[in-house]
Structures are given as structure tokens and as C-alpha cells.
C-alpha atoms as a PDB file:
ATOM      1  CA  MET A   1      22.559  70.072  44.813  1.00  0.00           C
ATOM      2  CA  SER A   2      25.191  72.601  45.146  1.00  0.00           C
ATOM      3  CA  LYS A   3      25.569  74.338  42.206  1.00  0.00           C
ATOM      4  CA  VAL A   4      29.853  76.031  41.278  1.00  0.00           C
ATOM      5  CA  LEU A   5      30.723  78.479  38.144  1.00  0.00           C
ATOM      6  CA  ILE A   6      34.037  78.016  36.682  1.00  0.00           C
ATOM      7  CA  THR A   7      35.169  80.973  35.393  1.00  0.00           C
ATOM      8  CA  THR A   8      38.756  80.643  34.639  1.00  0.00           C
ATOM      9  CA  VAL A   9      39.178  78.941  31.413  1.00  0.00           C
ATOM     10  CA  PRO A  10      40.726  76.366  30.670  1.00  0.00           C
ATOM     11  CA  PHE A  11      39.512  74.347  33.043  1.00  0.00           C
ATOM     12  CA  GLY A  12      40.359  70.326  32.920  1.00  0.00           C
ATOM     13  CA  ASP A  13      41.626  70.690  29.510  1.00  0.00           C
ATOM     14  CA  LYS A  14      44.331  68.389  30.277  1.00  0.00           C
ATOM     15  CA  ASN A  15      43.892  66.450  33.568  1.00  0.00           C
ATOM     16  CA  ALA A  16      39.924  65.699  33.899  1.00  0.00           C
ATOM     17  CA  PHE A  17      40.373  65.299  37.405  1.00  0.00           C
ATOM     18  CA  PRO A  18      38.796  68.547  38.838  1.00  0.00           C
ATOM     19  CA  LEU A  19      35.964  67.914  37.086  1.00  0.00           C
ATOM     20  CA  GLU A  20      35.606  64.518  38.218  1.00  0.00           C
ATOM     21  CA  MET A  21      35.706  65.202  41.797  1.00  0.00           C
ATOM     22  CA  MET A  22      32.765  67.427  41.269  1.00  0.00           C
ATOM     23  CA  THR A  23      30.760  65.401  39.509  1.00  0.00           C
ATOM     24  CA  ASN A  24      31.659  62.583  42.730  1.00  0.00           C
ATOM     25  CA  SER A  25      30.712  64.479  44.647  1.00  0.00           C
ATOM     26  CA  ASN A  26      27.515  65.478  43.351  1.00  0.00           C
ATOM     27  CA  ILE A  27      28.150  69.064  42.624  1.00  0.00           C
ATOM     28  CA  GLU A  28      26.419  70.592  39.556  1.00  0.00           C
ATOM     29  CA  TYR A  29      29.410  72.956  37.147  1.00  0.00           C
ATOM     30  CA  VAL A  30      29.435  74.995  34.864  1.00  0.00           C
ATOM     31  CA  ILE A  31      32.524  76.259  32.874  1.00  0.00           C
ATOM     32  CA  ASN A  32      32.120  79.551  31.384  1.00  0.00           C
ATOM     33  CA  PRO A  33      30.087  79.710  28.270  1.00  0.00           C
ATOM     34  CA  LEU A  34      32.192  82.681  26.834  1.00  0.00           C
ATOM     35  CA  ASN A  35      35.483  80.209  26.826  1.00  0.00           C
ATOM     36  CA  LYS A  36      37.162  84.190  27.529  1.00  0.00           C
ATOM     37  CA  LYS A  37      38.108  86.258  30.620  1.00  0.00           C
ATOM     38  CA  LEU A  38      35.016  88.220  31.343  1.00  0.00           C
ATOM     39  CA  LYS A  39      34.074  91.497  31.949  1.00  0.00           C
ATOM     40  CA  GLU A  40      32.490  92.359  35.275  1.00  0.00           C
ATOM     41  CA  ASN A  41      28.583  92.670  33.816  1.00  0.00           C
ATOM     42  CA  GLU A  42      29.497  89.471  32.060  1.00  0.00           C
ATOM     43  CA  LEU A  43      30.174  88.209  34.797  1.00  0.00           C
ATOM     44  CA  ALA A  44      27.074  89.278  36.781  1.00  0.00           C
ATOM     45  CA  ASP A  45      25.153  88.220  34.587  1.00  0.00           C
ATOM     46  CA  MET A  46      26.337  84.769  35.103  1.00  0.00           C
ATOM     47  CA  VAL A  47      26.297  84.779  39.006  1.00  0.00           C
ATOM     48  CA  THR A  48      23.093  84.336  40.025  1.00  0.00           C
ATOM     49  CA  ASP A  49      22.228  81.223  41.416  1.00  0.00           C
ATOM     50  CA  PHE A  50      25.848  79.269  42.405  1.00  0.00           C
ATOM     51  CA  ASP A  51      26.680  78.634  45.840  1.00  0.00           C
ATOM     52  CA  VAL A  52      31.313  78.584  44.446  1.00  0.00           C
ATOM     53  CA  ILE A  53      33.031  80.005  42.281  1.00  0.00           C
ATOM     54  CA  ILE A  54      36.281  78.678  40.715  1.00  0.00           C
ATOM     55  CA  ALA A  55      38.012  81.842  40.024  1.00  0.00           C
ATOM     56  CA  GLY A  56      40.350  82.962  37.433  1.00  0.00           C
ATOM     57  CA  THR A  57      41.744  87.009  36.672  1.00  0.00           C
ATOM     58  CA  GLU A  58      38.245  88.421  36.418  1.00  0.00           C
ATOM     59  CA  PRO A  59      36.914  91.393  38.129  1.00  0.00           C
ATOM     60  CA  ILE A  60      34.913  89.648  40.923  1.00  0.00           C
ATOM     61  CA  THR A  61      33.548  93.303  42.561  1.00  0.00           C
ATOM     62  CA  ASP A  62      30.826  94.055  45.440  1.00  0.00           C
ATOM     63  CA  TYR A  63      28.689  94.705  42.220  1.00  0.00           C
ATOM     64  CA  VAL A  64      29.399  91.118  41.039  1.00  0.00           C
ATOM     65  CA  MET A  65      28.401  89.916  44.406  1.00  0.00           C
ATOM     66  CA  SER A  66      25.356  91.466  45.118  1.00  0.00           C
ATOM     67  CA  LYS A  67      24.154  89.355  42.149  1.00  0.00           C
ATOM     68  CA  ALA A  68      24.954  86.407  43.312  1.00  0.00           C
ATOM     69  CA  LYS A  69      22.625  85.653  46.571  1.00  0.00           C
ATOM     70  CA  ASN A  70      24.015  82.305  47.079  1.00  0.00           C
ATOM     71  CA  LEU A  71      27.384  82.931  46.540  1.00  0.00           C
ATOM     72  CA  LYS A  72      29.630  81.810  49.721  1.00  0.00           C
ATOM     73  CA  LEU A  73      32.753  80.819  48.221  1.00  0.00           C
ATOM     74  CA  ILE A  74      35.376  82.130  45.423  1.00  0.00           C
ATOM     75  CA  SER A  75      37.905  79.857  45.045  1.00  0.00           C
ATOM     76  CA  ARG A  76      40.568  81.350  42.826  1.00  0.00           C
ATOM     77  CA  VAL A  77      42.945  79.200  40.520  1.00  0.00           C
ATOM     78  CA  GLY A  78      46.009  81.173  41.711  1.00  0.00           C
ATOM     79  CA  ILE A  79      47.801  83.617  43.459  1.00  0.00           C
ATOM     80  CA  GLY A  80      46.726  87.079  42.644  1.00  0.00           C
ATOM     81  CA  LEU A  81      43.873  88.581  44.563  1.00  0.00           C
ATOM     82  CA  ASP A  82      43.560  92.445  42.619  1.00  0.00           C
ATOM     83  CA  SER A  83      40.445  90.830  40.839  1.00  0.00           C
ATOM     84  CA  VAL A  84      38.693  90.308  43.635  1.00  0.00           C
ATOM     85  CA  ASP A  85      37.335  92.246  46.292  1.00  0.00           C
ATOM     86  CA  LEU A  86      37.838  91.280  49.645  1.00  0.00           C
ATOM     87  CA  LEU A  87      36.687  93.855  51.667  1.00  0.00           C
ATOM     88  CA  ALA A  88      32.866  92.795  49.799  1.00  0.00           C
ATOM     89  CA  ALA A  89      33.677  89.435  50.117  1.00  0.00           C
ATOM     90  CA  GLU A  90      34.116  89.595  54.078  1.00  0.00           C
ATOM     91  CA  LYS A  91      31.458  91.981  54.030  1.00  0.00           C
ATOM     92  CA  ARG A  92      28.642  89.616  52.279  1.00  0.00           C
ATOM     93  CA  GLY A  93      29.937  86.673  55.000  1.00  0.00           C
ATOM     94  CA  ILE A  94      32.137  85.249  51.508  1.00  0.00           C
ATOM     95  CA  LYS A  95      34.660  83.347  52.183  1.00  0.00           C
ATOM     96  CA  VAL A  96      37.984  83.447  49.676  1.00  0.00           C
ATOM     97  CA  SER A  97      40.426  80.758  49.454  1.00  0.00           C
ATOM     98  CA  TYR A  98      43.950  80.610  46.983  1.00  0.00           C
ATOM     99  CA  THR A  99      46.534  78.415  45.563  1.00  0.00           C
ATOM    100  CA  PRO A 100      49.344  80.186  45.852  1.00  0.00           C
ATOM    101  CA  ASP A 101      52.473  78.097  45.584  1.00  0.00           C
ATOM    102  CA  ALA A 102      50.982  75.433  42.715  1.00  0.00           C
ATOM    103  CA  PRO A 103      52.088  78.612  40.206  1.00  0.00           C
ATOM    104  CA  ALA A 104      55.187  79.442  41.096  1.00  0.00           C
ATOM    105  CA  PRO A 105      57.589  77.084  39.420  1.00  0.00           C
ATOM    106  CA  ALA A 106      55.819  77.506  36.401  1.00  0.00           C
ATOM    107  CA  VAL A 107      55.936  81.475  36.618  1.00  0.00           C
ATOM    108  CA  ALA A 108      59.607  81.286  37.783  1.00  0.00           C
ATOM    109  CA  GLU A 109      60.786  78.961  35.092  1.00  0.00           C
ATOM    110  CA  LEU A 110      59.156  81.251  31.997  1.00  0.00           C
ATOM    111  CA  THR A 111      60.792  84.328  33.792  1.00  0.00           C
ATOM    112  CA  VAL A 112      64.543  83.135  33.181  1.00  0.00           C
ATOM    113  CA  GLY A 113      63.699  82.019  29.733  1.00  0.00           C
ATOM    114  CA  LEU A 114      62.486  85.318  29.284  1.00  0.00           C
ATOM    115  CA  MET A 115      65.835  86.238  30.449  1.00  0.00           C
ATOM    116  CA  LEU A 116      68.566  83.728  28.427  1.00  0.00           C
ATOM    117  CA  THR A 117      65.486  85.323  25.187  1.00  0.00           C
ATOM    118  CA  LEU A 118      66.360  88.776  25.969  1.00  0.00           C
ATOM    119  CA  LEU A 119      70.180  88.616  26.647  1.00  0.00           C
ATOM    120  CA  ARG A 120      70.861  86.327  23.560  1.00  0.00           C
ATOM    121  CA  SER A 121      68.192  88.641  21.246  1.00  0.00           C
ATOM    122  CA  VAL A 122      66.363  85.115  20.358  1.00  0.00           C
ATOM    123  CA  GLN A 123      62.740  86.617  19.811  1.00  0.00           C
ATOM    124  CA  THR A 124      64.623  89.740  17.142  1.00  0.00           C
ATOM    125  CA  SER A 125      66.918  86.815  15.306  1.00  0.00           C
ATOM    126  CA  ASN A 126      63.799  84.765  15.191  1.00  0.00           C
ATOM    127  CA  LEU A 127      62.014  87.852  13.715  1.00  0.00           C
ATOM    128  CA  GLU A 128      64.456  88.879  11.073  1.00  0.00           C
ATOM    129  CA  MET A 129      65.317  84.932   9.903  1.00  0.00           C
ATOM    130  CA  HIS A 130      61.246  84.664   9.095  1.00  0.00           C
ATOM    131  CA  ASN A 131      61.572  87.782   6.886  1.00  0.00           C
ATOM    132  CA  GLY A 132      64.974  86.356   4.862  1.00  0.00           C
ATOM    133  CA  THR A 133      67.815  88.310   6.910  1.00  0.00           C
ATOM    134  CA  TRP A 134      70.562  86.661   8.046  1.00  0.00           C
ATOM    135  CA  HIS A 135      71.584  88.362  10.997  1.00  0.00           C
ATOM    136  CA  ARG A 136      73.892  87.013  14.067  1.00  0.00           C
ATOM    137  CA  PHE A 137      73.644  88.851  17.680  1.00  0.00           C
ATOM    138  CA  PHE A 138      76.357  89.161  19.800  1.00  0.00           C
ATOM    139  CA  GLY A 139      74.772  88.801  23.269  1.00  0.00           C
ATOM    140  CA  ARG A 140      75.359  88.044  27.076  1.00  0.00           C
ATOM    141  CA  ARG A 141      75.494  85.746  29.392  1.00  0.00           C
ATOM    142  CA  ILE A 142      73.662  85.454  32.493  1.00  0.00           C
ATOM    143  CA  PRO A 143      76.954  84.867  34.626  1.00  0.00           C
ATOM    144  CA  GLU A 144      78.260  88.350  33.016  1.00  0.00           C
ATOM    145  CA  VAL A 145      75.357  90.323  34.233  1.00  0.00           C
ATOM    146  CA  THR A 146      73.780  92.678  37.018  1.00  0.00           C
ATOM    147  CA  ILE A 147      70.214  91.125  37.414  1.00  0.00           C
ATOM    148  CA  GLY A 148      67.560  93.144  39.472  1.00  0.00           C
ATOM    149  CA  VAL A 149      64.866  91.096  41.277  1.00  0.00           C
ATOM    150  CA  ILE A 150      61.815  93.033  43.021  1.00  0.00           C
ATOM    151  CA  GLY A 151      59.622  90.852  44.568  1.00  0.00           C
ATOM    152  CA  LEU A 152      61.035  88.072  46.659  1.00  0.00           C
ATOM    153  CA  GLY A 153      58.379  86.026  47.574  1.00  0.00           C
ATOM    154  CA  ARG A 154      57.604  82.405  46.185  1.00  0.00           C
ATOM    155  CA  ILE A 155      58.360  83.253  42.603  1.00  0.00           C
ATOM    156  CA  GLY A 156      61.297  86.109  43.066  1.00  0.00           C
ATOM    157  CA  VAL A 157      63.309  83.209  45.231  1.00  0.00           C
ATOM    158  CA  ARG A 158      62.209  80.626  42.851  1.00  0.00           C
ATOM    159  CA  VAL A 159      64.119  82.705  39.969  1.00  0.00           C
ATOM    160  CA  LEU A 160      67.172  83.196  42.509  1.00  0.00           C
ATOM    161  CA  ASN A 161      67.056  79.062  42.814  1.00  0.00           C
ATOM    162  CA  ARG A 162      66.969  78.759  39.336  1.00  0.00           C
ATOM    163  CA  LEU A 163      69.912  81.628  38.471  1.00  0.00           C
ATOM    164  CA  GLN A 164      71.883  79.937  40.547  1.00  0.00           C
ATOM    165  CA  SER A 165      72.462  77.375  38.100  1.00  0.00           C
ATOM    166  CA  PHE A 166      74.078  79.006  35.235  1.00  0.00           C
ATOM    167  CA  GLY A 167      76.664  81.100  37.617  1.00  0.00           C
ATOM    168  CA  SER A 168      77.460  84.192  39.966  1.00  0.00           C
ATOM    169  CA  PRO A 169      75.736  86.735  38.293  1.00  0.00           C
ATOM    170  CA  ARG A 170      75.577  90.080  40.682  1.00  0.00           C
ATOM    171  CA  LEU A 171      71.948  89.998  42.027  1.00  0.00           C
ATOM    172  CA  LEU A 172      70.222  93.045  43.033  1.00  0.00           C
ATOM    173  CA  VAL A 173      67.285  92.643  45.188  1.00  0.00           C
ATOM    174  CA  ASN A 174      64.291  94.762  46.968  1.00  0.00           C
ATOM    175  CA  ASP A 175      61.333  93.268  49.051  1.00  0.00           C
ATOM    176  CA  ILE A 176      58.736  95.154  51.260  1.00  0.00           C
ATOM    177  CA  LYS A 177      60.035  93.071  53.476  1.00  0.00           C
ATOM    178  CA  PRO A 178      63.239  91.284  53.566  1.00  0.00           C
ATOM    179  CA  ASP A 179      64.062  88.192  54.422  1.00  0.00           C
ATOM    180  CA  LEU A 180      67.302  88.028  55.244  1.00  0.00           C
ATOM    181  CA  ASP A 181      67.622  84.523  55.846  1.00  0.00           C
ATOM    182  CA  LEU A 182      67.977  84.173  52.812  1.00  0.00           C
ATOM    183  CA  ASN A 183      71.410  85.650  52.867  1.00  0.00           C
ATOM    184  CA  HIS A 184      72.587  82.373  53.597  1.00  0.00           C
ATOM    185  CA  GLN A 185      71.494  80.840  50.101  1.00  0.00           C
ATOM    186  CA  PHE A 186      72.246  83.647  47.586  1.00  0.00           C
ATOM    187  CA  LYS A 187      74.695  85.991  47.653  1.00  0.00           C
ATOM    188  CA  LEU A 188      72.732  88.991  47.999  1.00  0.00           C
ATOM    189  CA  GLU A 189      73.066  92.733  47.454  1.00  0.00           C
ATOM    190  CA  TRP A 190      69.878  94.156  49.621  1.00  0.00           C
ATOM    191  CA  ALA A 191      69.003  97.868  47.333  1.00  0.00           C
ATOM    192  CA  THR A 192      66.512 100.621  47.058  1.00  0.00           C
ATOM    193  CA  LYS A 193      64.000 100.101  43.379  1.00  0.00           C
ATOM    194  CA  GLU A 194      66.001 103.472  42.229  1.00  0.00           C
ATOM    195  CA  GLN A 195      69.095 101.553  42.620  1.00  0.00           C
ATOM    196  CA  ILE A 196      68.083  98.292  40.855  1.00  0.00           C
ATOM    197  CA  TYR A 197      66.829 100.651  37.799  1.00  0.00           C
ATOM    198  CA  SER A 198      69.962 102.388  37.378  1.00  0.00           C
ATOM    199  CA  GLU A 199      72.573  99.673  38.387  1.00  0.00           C
ATOM    200  CA  ALA A 200      71.126  96.190  37.088  1.00  0.00           C
ATOM    201  CA  ASP A 201      70.983  95.013  33.319  1.00  0.00           C
ATOM    202  CA  VAL A 202      68.140  93.033  34.144  1.00  0.00           C
ATOM    203  CA  ILE A 203      65.014  93.724  35.568  1.00  0.00           C
ATOM    204  CA  ALA A 204      62.264  91.209  36.932  1.00  0.00           C
ATOM    205  CA  LEU A 205      59.208  92.006  38.450  1.00  0.00           C
ATOM    206  CA  HIS A 206      57.531  89.441  40.845  1.00  0.00           C
ATOM    207  CA  LEU A 207      55.024  91.777  43.408  1.00  0.00           C
ATOM    208  CA  PRO A 208      51.207  91.732  43.957  1.00  0.00           C
ATOM    209  CA  LEU A 209      49.328  94.526  42.212  1.00  0.00           C
ATOM    210  CA  THR A 210      48.258  96.561  44.727  1.00  0.00           C
ATOM    211  CA  CYS A 211      47.451 100.781  45.887  1.00  0.00           C
ATOM    212  CA  HIS A 212      51.440 100.680  46.182  1.00  0.00           C
ATOM    213  CA  THR A 213      52.576  99.065  43.560  1.00  0.00           C
ATOM    214  CA  LYS A 214      50.073 100.477  40.524  1.00  0.00           C
ATOM    215  CA  ASN A 215      52.033 102.106  38.052  1.00  0.00           C
ATOM    216  CA  MET A 216      54.737 101.410  39.840  1.00  0.00           C
ATOM    217  CA  ILE A 217      57.641 101.741  37.258  1.00  0.00           C
ATOM    218  CA  THR A 218      56.604 105.116  34.714  1.00  0.00           C
ATOM    219  CA  LYS A 219      59.175 106.922  32.435  1.00  0.00           C
ATOM    220  CA  GLU A 220      60.683 108.398  35.086  1.00  0.00           C
ATOM    221  CA  HIS A 221      61.888 105.182  36.013  1.00  0.00           C
ATOM    222  CA  LEU A 222      62.673 103.142  33.042  1.00  0.00           C
ATOM    223  CA  LEU A 223      64.600 106.305  32.014  1.00  0.00           C
ATOM    224  CA  MET A 224      66.615 105.546  34.730  1.00  0.00           C
ATOM    225  CA  MET A 225      67.584 102.375  33.562  1.00  0.00           C
ATOM    226  CA  LYS A 226      70.797 101.381  31.794  1.00  0.00           C
ATOM    227  CA  GLU A 227      69.968 102.279  27.334  1.00  0.00           C
ATOM    228  CA  ASP A 228      70.677  98.401  27.121  1.00  0.00           C
ATOM    229  CA  ALA A 229      68.853  97.489  29.519  1.00  0.00           C
ATOM    230  CA  MET A 230      66.478  94.941  30.143  1.00  0.00           C
ATOM    231  CA  ILE A 231      62.887  94.035  31.615  1.00  0.00           C
ATOM    232  CA  ILE A 232      60.803  91.309  32.303  1.00  0.00           C
ATOM    233  CA  ASN A 233      57.307  91.452  34.314  1.00  0.00           C
ATOM    234  CA  THR A 234      55.638  88.189  34.905  1.00  0.00           C
ATOM    235  CA  SER A 235      53.375  89.565  37.993  1.00  0.00           C
ATOM    236  CA  ARG A 236      50.676  91.910  37.668  1.00  0.00           C
ATOM    237  CA  GLY A 237      49.632  94.466  34.742  1.00  0.00           C
ATOM    238  CA  GLY A 238      49.313  97.483  35.879  1.00  0.00           C
ATOM    239  CA  ILE A 239      52.588  97.583  37.984  1.00  0.00           C
ATOM    240  CA  ILE A 240      54.377  99.310  34.814  1.00  0.00           C
ATOM    241  CA  ASN A 241      52.517 102.071  32.676  1.00  0.00           C
ATOM    242  CA  GLU A 242      52.139 100.715  29.826  1.00  0.00           C
ATOM    243  CA  ASP A 243      52.378 103.556  27.632  1.00  0.00           C
ATOM    244  CA  ASP A 244      55.381 104.686  29.187  1.00  0.00           C
ATOM    245  CA  LEU A 245      57.118 101.111  28.516  1.00  0.00           C
ATOM    246  CA  TYR A 246      56.021 102.388  24.932  1.00  0.00           C
ATOM    247  CA  ASP A 247      57.255 105.228  24.562  1.00  0.00           C
ATOM    248  CA  VAL A 248      60.671 105.135  26.436  1.00  0.00           C
ATOM    249  CA  MET A 249      61.262 101.716  23.685  1.00  0.00           C
ATOM    250  CA  LYS A 250      60.363 103.702  20.636  1.00  0.00           C
ATOM    251  CA  SER A 251      62.890 106.521  22.004  1.00  0.00           C
ATOM    252  CA  GLY A 252      65.355 103.723  21.704  1.00  0.00           C
ATOM    253  CA  HIS A 253      65.777 103.413  25.422  1.00  0.00           C
ATOM    254  CA  LEU A 254      66.070  99.793  26.882  1.00  0.00           C
ATOM    255  CA  SER A 255      66.974  96.805  24.286  1.00  0.00           C
ATOM    256  CA  GLY A 256      64.121  94.753  25.438  1.00  0.00           C
ATOM    257  CA  ALA A 257      61.353  94.036  27.397  1.00  0.00           C
ATOM    258  CA  ALA A 258      59.800  90.974  28.224  1.00  0.00           C
ATOM    259  CA  ILE A 259      55.722  91.482  28.902  1.00  0.00           C
ATOM    260  CA  ASP A 260      53.268  88.456  30.392  1.00  0.00           C
ATOM    261  CA  VAL A 261      50.539  90.410  31.979  1.00  0.00           C
ATOM    262  CA  PHE A 262      48.772  93.640  30.896  1.00  0.00           C
ATOM    263  CA  GLU A 263      46.283  95.899  32.410  1.00  0.00           C
ATOM    264  CA  ASN A 264      43.760  95.011  30.645  1.00  0.00           C
ATOM    265  CA  GLU A 265      43.799  91.089  28.749  1.00  0.00           C
ATOM    266  CA  PRO A 266      43.487  90.300  25.797  1.00  0.00           C
ATOM    267  CA  TYR A 267      45.905  92.678  25.554  1.00  0.00           C
ATOM    268  CA  GLU A 268      45.566  95.111  21.836  1.00  0.00           C
ATOM    269  CA  GLY A 269      47.960  98.178  22.367  1.00  0.00           C
ATOM    270  CA  LYS A 270      50.847  99.702  20.933  1.00  0.00           C
ATOM    271  CA  LEU A 271      53.207  97.499  22.597  1.00  0.00           C
ATOM    272  CA  ASN A 272      52.369  95.157  19.777  1.00  0.00           C
ATOM    273  CA  THR A 273      54.924  97.024  17.546  1.00  0.00           C
ATOM    274  CA  ILE A 274      58.160  97.178  18.993  1.00  0.00           C
ATOM    275  CA  ASP A 275      59.778  94.165  17.843  1.00  0.00           C
ATOM    276  CA  ARG A 276      62.237  93.928  21.389  1.00  0.00           C
ATOM    277  CA  CYS A 277      59.523  93.555  23.461  1.00  0.00           C
ATOM    278  CA  ILE A 278      58.441  90.378  23.865  1.00  0.00           C
ATOM    279  CA  LEU A 279      54.265  90.207  24.641  1.00  0.00           C
ATOM    280  CA  THR A 280      53.285  86.538  25.698  1.00  0.00           C
ATOM    281  CA  ALA A 281      49.099  86.271  26.739  1.00  0.00           C
ATOM    282  CA  HIS A 282      49.549  85.689  30.427  1.00  0.00           C
ATOM    283  CA  MET A 283      51.273  82.271  30.402  1.00  0.00           C
ATOM    284  CA  GLY A 284      53.390  82.135  33.393  1.00  0.00           C
ATOM    285  CA  SER A 285      51.459  79.538  35.369  1.00  0.00           C
ATOM    286  CA  MET A 286      50.369  77.842  31.781  1.00  0.00           C
ATOM    287  CA  SER A 287      52.714  74.427  32.561  1.00  0.00           C
ATOM    288  CA  VAL A 288      50.702  71.381  32.260  1.00  0.00           C
ATOM    289  CA  ASP A 289      51.622  70.497  35.998  1.00  0.00           C
ATOM    290  CA  CYS A 290      51.158  73.116  37.282  1.00  0.00           C
ATOM    291  CA  ARG A 291      48.073  74.605  35.961  1.00  0.00           C
ATOM    292  CA  THR A 292      46.483  70.926  36.730  1.00  0.00           C
ATOM    293  CA  ARG A 293      47.661  71.187  40.287  1.00  0.00           C
ATOM    294  CA  MET A 294      45.638  74.919  40.739  1.00  0.00           C
ATOM    295  CA  GLU A 295      42.813  73.570  39.234  1.00  0.00           C
ATOM    296  CA  ILE A 296      43.157  70.347  41.301  1.00  0.00           C
ATOM    297  CA  GLU A 297      43.494  72.365  44.719  1.00  0.00           C
ATOM    298  CA  ALA A 298      40.577  75.282  43.538  1.00  0.00           C
ATOM    299  CA  THR A 299      38.604  72.017  42.953  1.00  0.00           C
ATOM    300  CA  GLU A 300      39.432  69.961  46.338  1.00  0.00           C
ATOM    301  CA  GLU A 301      38.791  73.142  47.960  1.00  0.00           C
ATOM    302  CA  ALA A 302      35.274  73.811  46.889  1.00  0.00           C
ATOM    303  CA  VAL A 303      34.060  70.482  47.568  1.00  0.00           C
ATOM    304  CA  ARG A 304      35.555  70.893  51.081  1.00  0.00           C
ATOM    305  CA  PHE A 305      33.582  73.640  51.760  1.00  0.00           C
ATOM    306  CA  LEU A 306      30.696  72.217  50.053  1.00  0.00           C
ATOM    307  CA  GLN A 307      30.961  68.996  52.408  1.00  0.00           C
ATOM    308  CA  GLY A 308      31.148  71.320  55.155  1.00  0.00           C
ATOM    309  CA  GLU A 309      34.758  70.591  56.037  1.00  0.00           C
ATOM    310  CA  LYS A 310      37.424  72.814  56.691  1.00  0.00           C
ATOM    311  CA  LEU A 311      39.371  75.161  54.740  1.00  0.00           C
ATOM    312  CA  THR A 312      42.849  74.744  53.991  1.00  0.00           C
ATOM    313  CA  GLY A 313      44.024  78.009  51.519  1.00  0.00           C
ATOM    314  CA  ILE A 314      41.439  80.765  53.199  1.00  0.00           C
ATOM    315  CA  VAL A 315      43.152  83.959  52.015  1.00  0.00           C
ATOM    316  CA  PRO A 316      45.187  85.227  55.615  1.00  0.00           C
ATOM    317  CA  GLU A 317      44.306  88.654  57.094  1.00  0.00           C
ATOM    318  CA  GLU A 318      47.183  90.603  55.717  1.00  0.00           C
ATOM    319  CA  GLU A 319      45.388  90.213  52.205  1.00  0.00           C
ATOM    320  CA  TYR A 320      42.548  92.067  53.427  1.00  0.00           C
ATOM    321  CA  GLN A 321      44.739  94.751  55.314  1.00  0.00           C
ATOM    322  CA  VAL A 322      46.518  95.480  51.910  1.00  0.00           C
ATOM    323  CA  GLN A 323      42.886  96.044  50.220  1.00  0.00           C
ATOM    324  CA  ARG A 324      41.481  98.201  53.229  1.00  0.00           C
ATOM    325  CA  GLU A 325      45.364 100.223  53.151  1.00  0.00           C
ATOM    326  CA  GLY A 326      43.959 101.224  49.201  1.00  0.00           C
ATOM    327  CA  LEU A 327      40.816 102.862  49.982  1.00  0.00           C
END
């Protein structure tokens, strides 16, 4: 009987169909018994005799793979691949697949929700109300501000789509591979990152974590931003230097930030002392529909593989090239 280790949790909580799919296919599965994001050594201790990992964001390193003698497929629940050593997998003949489209709508909607929350000081008013203070904050509306979007992939474009319903804010955008066809759909100003830092009122990041984006935004860049600017990161931890963000916000610069992803998760850093910094627990994809779709797609891929069928979500070569460039 084939064996699958499900490392990402929760799994199957809202829809048990992925688990039923494996049971009906005579596949034995084990769900992460620690019920938390696994560390490298914890995962290495678990993987010894599994054929497939249905994975979250835990580190699947060369060391982990060296302990997984039977491993033939890593089926990633989600899009980010920074936690998977693709080159080690390639060297060991382990295939890697992912579900890049499934989480995008939920992440885009959370981004816009955080944008609205910051612009209207909802989080600060909520905190003050709970402490017995009645204060009405002046805020700003989306059509009246300049919004910078860095990264126009699956999620960044969906953010632009959702912003259209609010009116016509000025949109400054940046991507490593500009898709100028988007100009037919949106009124965009293609800009350098530095221009976005200095001119945008709200900045949203939608980038993978690579050697090029690691610590992409440091104190120098944060101080380029307007004193009352806001920044949102629902992409990957490590793109904004968290210590620098703390120092800059502690000094009074920036009127708000919203951070859903962190370099080390669960997060236990100093940003939790900054009231105007919204912190959420890497829940961009955690809508019932999107999470269910991610789990189903990742499980379908595992079943296909174990039944000798062709994979449909195989990670493209360009993702391997990104990691090669980082060596």
C-alpha cells in the first residue's frame, strides 16, 4: 500500500473529500501528528517510509529528503516554493507539483481587506474601544490615494481587479517581467520600486521569496516612504526586514502596516508591540473555498502519481532556475 504524509495542518477540516479520495484509492495517509508547522528535524524524523508528501510551508530540505528513502513526490498545497529545495529534489529524482491558482482569490481579498482596515484605522479604533476610549479617526478612501503594487502575478492582478470596484486610484506597479497587455485592462503607471516607495500611500507586496527578494525592503527603503504611508505583505516572510520595520514604526514613521507572513512562523517578534501594525497568522489562503480547492488539487496530484497517471501541476523549469541563480 502506498503511503502519504500530510504535513500541512489543518487538512480536511472543512471538507473531508481529499481524505476520502485517498481512502477510496487504497492509499494510506498520516496527518502531521504534531498539529503545527514542522521544523526541519521534526519533519526529517517523520518522513522515513512515505512515498508522497502533501506539503505546506515546512522546510523540505536536502537533509529531510535524505531521510525519506521512498519519497517520489512532493505535492505542495499552495504556490510558494521557497520552502522546498527543488535542486535537491531534482538530484534525487523526486517530482514536485503545486497548486498555484487555488489560493490567489483569497489572498487578493485579504490584501484589499487589510488595505481598507489600514486606511480607516479600524484596527486602532477597535483597540481603543476595547480599552474604553471613544475616538473617531479620520481616514482615506481608496480612490483618493496612490496604491503601489509590487508583483503582478496571479495575486497582484487579482488585487487590481478588486480595486477597480472602488473607483480609480492612481496605480503604480512593478514587476520583473512587465506584462504591458495589462494596460488595456487597467490604468497603470509602470514604475521603479524606488518610485513606488517614495510616491505610494499604500504598498502591497505580491512576490515570491527568492535570493533577489530576500530583505528586499530594509530601513533605507522604509524611510523613503511617506511618513503616513502604509505597507502590506501577504506574500512571503523575509521580503521586508522585520527588525527594520519595527525600528521605523517605533520611531513614528509609517501610519500603518499589515503583515500576514513572517520569516519565522509562528511569529514571536517585536512587531506585536506596535498597535498600528496588523499581524495575522499566515491566513491569506484560509478561506474555506480556496483552502479546500488547494487540498483537493494537491491530493488529486498525489493520487494521479501513485496510480501512474500524468501530473497536471508539475512545477515549471523556471522555478528551478530561480533556485539555481540563488546558489
